[in-house]
Amino acid sequence: MSELNEENLRLLCRLCMIKVDEKEIAELKKDLTKILDYVEQLQEVDVSELAPYSHMEEQGIGSLRDDVVGKPLDHQTFIANAPDHIGGMIRVPPVISKDV
């Protein structure tokens, strides 16, 4: 695996359109290094004896509850619970900017 350095990290942030400052770069590098180390550790687990499957139910593991349709919130209650709204619609911050 290639080394995670600040240059690669800055490129990754630019490609993901994430704006980060110097302090965040150091924290992000530390966190991503921990994640990548954990993934490397998982690569060492022997799974050769396990049968491949695509659904947990095939192995009898877990069960999901049935979907139950409930009464939806009325529009006024829904809007009242939103942090910001205008004209009966929820206002959200922009997620794409041209300056990244």
N, C-alpha and C. Protein backbone atom coordinates (compact mmCIF):
# COMPACT_ATOMS: atom_id res chain seq x y z
N MET A 1 0.85 -1.18 0.00
CA MET A 1 0.00 0.00 0.00
C MET A 1 0.89 1.24 0.00
N SER A 2 0.49 2.24 -0.78
CA SER A 2 1.29 3.46 -0.84
C SER A 2 1.09 4.28 0.43
N GLU A 3 2.11 5.05 0.73
CA GLU A 3 2.10 5.88 1.94
C GLU A 3 1.09 7.01 1.80
N LEU A 4 0.36 7.26 2.84
CA LEU A 4 -0.59 8.37 2.87
C LEU A 4 0.18 9.62 3.31
N ASN A 5 0.49 10.48 2.34
CA ASN A 5 1.20 11.71 2.68
C ASN A 5 0.29 12.91 2.45
N GLU A 6 0.74 14.07 2.86
CA GLU A 6 -0.09 15.26 2.78
C GLU A 6 -0.43 15.63 1.34
N GLU A 7 0.48 15.37 0.42
CA GLU A 7 0.21 15.68 -0.99
C GLU A 7 -0.94 14.82 -1.51
N ASN A 8 -0.89 13.51 -1.21
CA ASN A 8 -1.98 12.62 -1.63
C ASN A 8 -3.29 13.00 -0.95
N LEU A 9 -3.21 13.38 0.30
CA LEU A 9 -4.39 13.75 1.06
C LEU A 9 -5.03 15.03 0.50
N ARG A 10 -4.19 16.00 0.14
CA ARG A 10 -4.72 17.23 -0.45
C ARG A 10 -5.38 16.95 -1.80
N LEU A 11 -4.78 16.06 -2.59
CA LEU A 11 -5.36 15.69 -3.88
C LEU A 11 -6.71 15.00 -3.66
N LEU A 12 -6.77 14.10 -2.69
CA LEU A 12 -8.02 13.41 -2.38
C LEU A 12 -9.10 14.41 -1.96
N CYS A 13 -8.73 15.37 -1.12
CA CYS A 13 -9.69 16.39 -0.68
C CYS A 13 -10.17 17.23 -1.85
N ARG A 14 -9.26 17.58 -2.75
CA ARG A 14 -9.64 18.37 -3.92
C ARG A 14 -10.58 17.59 -4.82
N LEU A 15 -10.29 16.30 -5.04
CA LEU A 15 -11.15 15.46 -5.88
C LEU A 15 -12.53 15.27 -5.26
N CYS A 16 -12.58 15.23 -3.93
CA CYS A 16 -13.86 15.07 -3.22
C CYS A 16 -14.54 16.41 -2.99
N MET A 17 -13.89 17.48 -3.43
CA MET A 17 -14.40 18.84 -3.25
C MET A 17 -14.63 19.15 -1.78
N ILE A 18 -13.64 18.80 -0.95
CA ILE A 18 -13.68 19.08 0.48
C ILE A 18 -12.63 20.13 0.77
N LYS A 19 -13.05 21.23 1.35
CA LYS A 19 -12.12 22.30 1.69
C LYS A 19 -11.58 22.05 3.11
N VAL A 20 -10.28 21.94 3.25
CA VAL A 20 -9.65 21.68 4.55
C VAL A 20 -8.51 22.67 4.78
N ASP A 21 -8.29 23.02 6.05
CA ASP A 21 -7.16 23.88 6.38
C ASP A 21 -6.03 23.02 6.94
N GLU A 22 -4.93 23.67 7.34
CA GLU A 22 -3.74 22.95 7.79
C GLU A 22 -4.01 22.06 9.00
N LYS A 23 -4.78 22.58 9.96
CA LYS A 23 -5.09 21.80 11.16
C LYS A 23 -5.91 20.56 10.81
N GLU A 24 -6.87 20.74 9.92
CA GLU A 24 -7.73 19.62 9.52
C GLU A 24 -6.96 18.57 8.74
N ILE A 25 -5.98 18.99 7.94
CA ILE A 25 -5.17 18.03 7.17
C ILE A 25 -4.45 17.08 8.12
N ALA A 26 -3.85 17.62 9.18
CA ALA A 26 -3.13 16.77 10.13
C ALA A 26 -4.08 15.79 10.82
N GLU A 27 -5.26 16.27 11.24
CA GLU A 27 -6.23 15.40 11.90
C GLU A 27 -6.77 14.35 10.94
N LEU A 28 -7.04 14.76 9.70
CA LEU A 28 -7.55 13.85 8.69
C LEU A 28 -6.53 12.77 8.36
N LYS A 29 -5.26 13.16 8.28
CA LYS A 29 -4.21 12.18 8.00
C LYS A 29 -4.14 11.15 9.12
N LYS A 30 -4.23 11.61 10.36
CA LYS A 30 -4.18 10.71 11.51
C LYS A 30 -5.36 9.73 11.48
N ASP A 31 -6.55 10.26 11.24
CA ASP A 31 -7.75 9.42 11.23
C ASP A 31 -7.73 8.42 10.07
N LEU A 32 -7.37 8.88 8.88
CA LEU A 32 -7.34 7.97 7.73
C LEU A 32 -6.26 6.91 7.87
N THR A 33 -5.15 7.27 8.50
CA THR A 33 -4.10 6.28 8.75
C THR A 33 -4.61 5.18 9.67
N LYS A 34 -5.35 5.55 10.70
CA LYS A 34 -5.95 4.56 11.60
C LYS A 34 -6.90 3.63 10.84
N ILE A 35 -7.72 4.21 9.98
CA ILE A 35 -8.68 3.42 9.21
C ILE A 35 -7.96 2.46 8.28
N LEU A 36 -6.95 2.96 7.56
CA LEU A 36 -6.21 2.11 6.64
C LEU A 36 -5.44 1.01 7.37
N ASP A 37 -4.91 1.32 8.55
CA ASP A 37 -4.25 0.29 9.35
C ASP A 37 -5.23 -0.79 9.76
N TYR A 38 -6.45 -0.40 10.12
CA TYR A 38 -7.47 -1.37 10.50
C TYR A 38 -7.86 -2.24 9.31
N VAL A 39 -7.99 -1.64 8.14
CA VAL A 39 -8.32 -2.41 6.94
C VAL A 39 -7.21 -3.41 6.63
N GLU A 40 -5.96 -2.99 6.79
CA GLU A 40 -4.83 -3.92 6.61
C GLU A 40 -4.92 -5.08 7.58
N GLN A 41 -5.29 -4.78 8.81
CA GLN A 41 -5.43 -5.82 9.82
C GLN A 41 -6.55 -6.79 9.43
N LEU A 42 -7.62 -6.29 8.86
CA LEU A 42 -8.71 -7.16 8.42
C LEU A 42 -8.28 -8.06 7.27
N GLN A 43 -7.35 -7.59 6.46
CA GLN A 43 -6.86 -8.40 5.33
C GLN A 43 -6.18 -9.68 5.81
N GLU A 44 -5.69 -9.67 7.04
CA GLU A 44 -4.97 -10.82 7.59
C GLU A 44 -5.90 -11.91 8.13
N VAL A 45 -7.20 -11.61 8.25
CA VAL A 45 -8.15 -12.58 8.79
C VAL A 45 -8.37 -13.70 7.77
N ASP A 46 -8.27 -14.93 8.23
CA ASP A 46 -8.46 -16.10 7.36
C ASP A 46 -9.95 -16.36 7.19
N VAL A 47 -10.45 -16.17 5.97
CA VAL A 47 -11.85 -16.42 5.67
C VAL A 47 -12.02 -17.54 4.65
N SER A 48 -10.96 -18.32 4.47
CA SER A 48 -11.00 -19.38 3.45
C SER A 48 -12.03 -20.45 3.76
N GLU A 49 -12.38 -20.64 5.02
CA GLU A 49 -13.35 -21.67 5.40
C GLU A 49 -14.79 -21.17 5.34
N LEU A 50 -14.99 -19.88 5.11
CA LEU A 50 -16.33 -19.33 5.08
C LEU A 50 -16.91 -19.41 3.67
N ALA A 51 -18.16 -19.79 3.59
CA ALA A 51 -18.84 -19.84 2.30
C ALA A 51 -19.27 -18.43 1.89
N PRO A 52 -19.09 -18.09 0.63
CA PRO A 52 -19.52 -16.77 0.19
C PRO A 52 -21.05 -16.68 0.18
N TYR A 53 -21.58 -15.53 0.53
CA TYR A 53 -23.02 -15.31 0.48
C TYR A 53 -23.29 -13.83 0.27
N SER A 54 -24.46 -13.57 -0.25
CA SER A 54 -24.80 -12.19 -0.55
C SER A 54 -25.85 -11.62 0.40
N HIS A 55 -26.51 -12.48 1.18
CA HIS A 55 -27.54 -12.01 2.10
C HIS A 55 -27.31 -12.65 3.46
N MET A 56 -27.51 -11.88 4.50
CA MET A 56 -27.32 -12.39 5.86
C MET A 56 -28.29 -13.51 6.17
N GLU A 57 -29.47 -13.47 5.58
CA GLU A 57 -30.48 -14.50 5.85
C GLU A 57 -30.02 -15.87 5.37
N GLU A 58 -29.16 -15.91 4.34
CA GLU A 58 -28.66 -17.19 3.84
C GLU A 58 -27.90 -17.94 4.93
N GLN A 59 -27.29 -17.21 5.82
CA GLN A 59 -26.53 -17.83 6.90
C GLN A 59 -27.32 -17.89 8.19
N GLY A 60 -28.57 -17.45 8.17
CA GLY A 60 -29.39 -17.47 9.37
C GLY A 60 -29.00 -16.40 10.37
N ILE A 61 -28.32 -15.37 9.89
CA ILE A 61 -27.85 -14.30 10.76
C ILE A 61 -28.78 -13.11 10.63
N GLY A 62 -29.26 -12.64 11.75
CA GLY A 62 -30.04 -11.41 11.76
C GLY A 62 -31.41 -11.57 11.13
N SER A 63 -32.26 -10.70 11.49
CA SER A 63 -33.58 -10.64 10.87
C SER A 63 -34.02 -9.19 10.87
N LEU A 64 -34.71 -8.83 9.83
CA LEU A 64 -35.18 -7.46 9.71
C LEU A 64 -36.64 -7.40 10.10
N ARG A 65 -37.02 -6.32 10.70
CA ARG A 65 -38.43 -6.16 11.05
C ARG A 65 -39.22 -5.82 9.80
N ASP A 66 -40.49 -6.11 9.83
CA ASP A 66 -41.35 -5.76 8.72
C ASP A 66 -41.55 -4.26 8.69
N ASP A 67 -41.61 -3.72 7.48
CA ASP A 67 -41.92 -2.30 7.34
C ASP A 67 -43.38 -2.09 7.67
N VAL A 68 -43.63 -1.12 8.52
CA VAL A 68 -45.00 -0.80 8.89
C VAL A 68 -45.26 0.65 8.52
N VAL A 69 -46.27 0.85 7.71
CA VAL A 69 -46.61 2.20 7.29
C VAL A 69 -47.34 2.89 8.44
N GLY A 70 -46.82 4.01 8.86
CA GLY A 70 -47.45 4.77 9.93
C GLY A 70 -48.07 6.03 9.38
N LYS A 71 -48.64 6.80 10.27
CA LYS A 71 -49.26 8.06 9.87
C LYS A 71 -48.14 9.09 9.65
N PRO A 72 -48.06 9.68 8.46
CA PRO A 72 -47.00 10.67 8.22
C PRO A 72 -47.28 11.97 8.97
N LEU A 73 -46.22 12.73 9.20
CA LEU A 73 -46.38 14.04 9.82
C LEU A 73 -47.12 14.97 8.87
N ASP A 74 -47.94 15.84 9.41
CA ASP A 74 -48.56 16.84 8.56
C ASP A 74 -47.49 17.87 8.18
N HIS A 75 -47.75 18.58 7.12
CA HIS A 75 -46.75 19.50 6.55
C HIS A 75 -46.29 20.55 7.57
N GLN A 76 -47.20 21.12 8.32
CA GLN A 76 -46.85 22.17 9.27
C GLN A 76 -45.92 21.65 10.37
N THR A 77 -46.20 20.45 10.88
CA THR A 77 -45.33 19.85 11.91
C THR A 77 -43.96 19.56 11.34
N PHE A 78 -43.95 19.05 10.12
CA PHE A 78 -42.68 18.72 9.44
C PHE A 78 -41.83 19.98 9.28
N ILE A 79 -42.42 21.03 8.77
CA ILE A 79 -41.70 22.30 8.56
C ILE A 79 -41.27 22.91 9.89
N ALA A 80 -42.11 22.79 10.91
CA ALA A 80 -41.78 23.36 12.23
C ALA A 80 -40.57 22.68 12.84
N ASN A 81 -40.31 21.42 12.48
CA ASN A 81 -39.16 20.68 13.00
C ASN A 81 -37.88 20.94 12.21
N ALA A 82 -37.98 21.62 11.08
CA ALA A 82 -36.81 21.90 10.26
C ALA A 82 -36.02 23.05 10.88
N PRO A 83 -34.69 23.01 10.80
CA PRO A 83 -33.89 24.09 11.36
C PRO A 83 -34.08 25.43 10.65
N ASP A 84 -34.38 25.39 9.34
CA ASP A 84 -34.58 26.63 8.59
C ASP A 84 -35.55 26.33 7.45
N HIS A 85 -36.46 27.23 7.20
CA HIS A 85 -37.42 27.02 6.11
C HIS A 85 -37.83 28.36 5.52
N ILE A 86 -38.30 28.30 4.28
CA ILE A 86 -38.76 29.50 3.58
C ILE A 86 -39.86 29.07 2.60
N GLY A 87 -40.95 29.75 2.62
CA GLY A 87 -42.03 29.49 1.68
C GLY A 87 -42.57 28.08 1.72
N GLY A 88 -42.60 27.48 2.89
CA GLY A 88 -43.13 26.12 3.02
C GLY A 88 -42.15 25.03 2.61
N MET A 89 -40.90 25.42 2.35
CA MET A 89 -39.87 24.44 1.96
C MET A 89 -38.71 24.52 2.94
N ILE A 90 -38.01 23.41 3.10
CA ILE A 90 -36.85 23.37 3.98
C ILE A 90 -35.66 23.98 3.26
N ARG A 91 -34.99 24.93 3.93
CA ARG A 91 -33.79 25.55 3.36
C ARG A 91 -32.59 24.75 3.84
N VAL A 92 -31.74 24.36 2.90
CA VAL A 92 -30.53 23.63 3.22
C VAL A 92 -29.33 24.41 2.71
N PRO A 93 -28.15 24.22 3.33
CA PRO A 93 -26.97 24.92 2.84
C PRO A 93 -26.53 24.34 1.49
N PRO A 94 -25.87 25.15 0.68
CA PRO A 94 -25.38 24.63 -0.60
C PRO A 94 -24.36 23.54 -0.38
N VAL A 95 -24.39 22.52 -1.21
CA VAL A 95 -23.45 21.41 -1.07
C VAL A 95 -22.37 21.42 -2.14
N ILE A 96 -22.54 22.22 -3.16
CA ILE A 96 -21.54 22.32 -4.23
C ILE A 96 -21.18 23.78 -4.39
N SER A 97 -19.88 24.06 -4.40
CA SER A 97 -19.44 25.42 -4.64
C SER A 97 -18.35 25.40 -5.70
N LYS A 98 -18.17 26.50 -6.36
CA LYS A 98 -17.20 26.58 -7.44
C LYS A 98 -15.80 26.92 -6.97
N ASP A 99 -15.63 27.33 -5.71
CA ASP A 99 -14.33 27.79 -5.23
C ASP A 99 -13.46 26.68 -4.63
N VAL A 100 -13.88 25.41 -4.72
CA VAL A 100 -13.06 24.32 -4.16
C VAL A 100 -12.11 23.83 -5.21
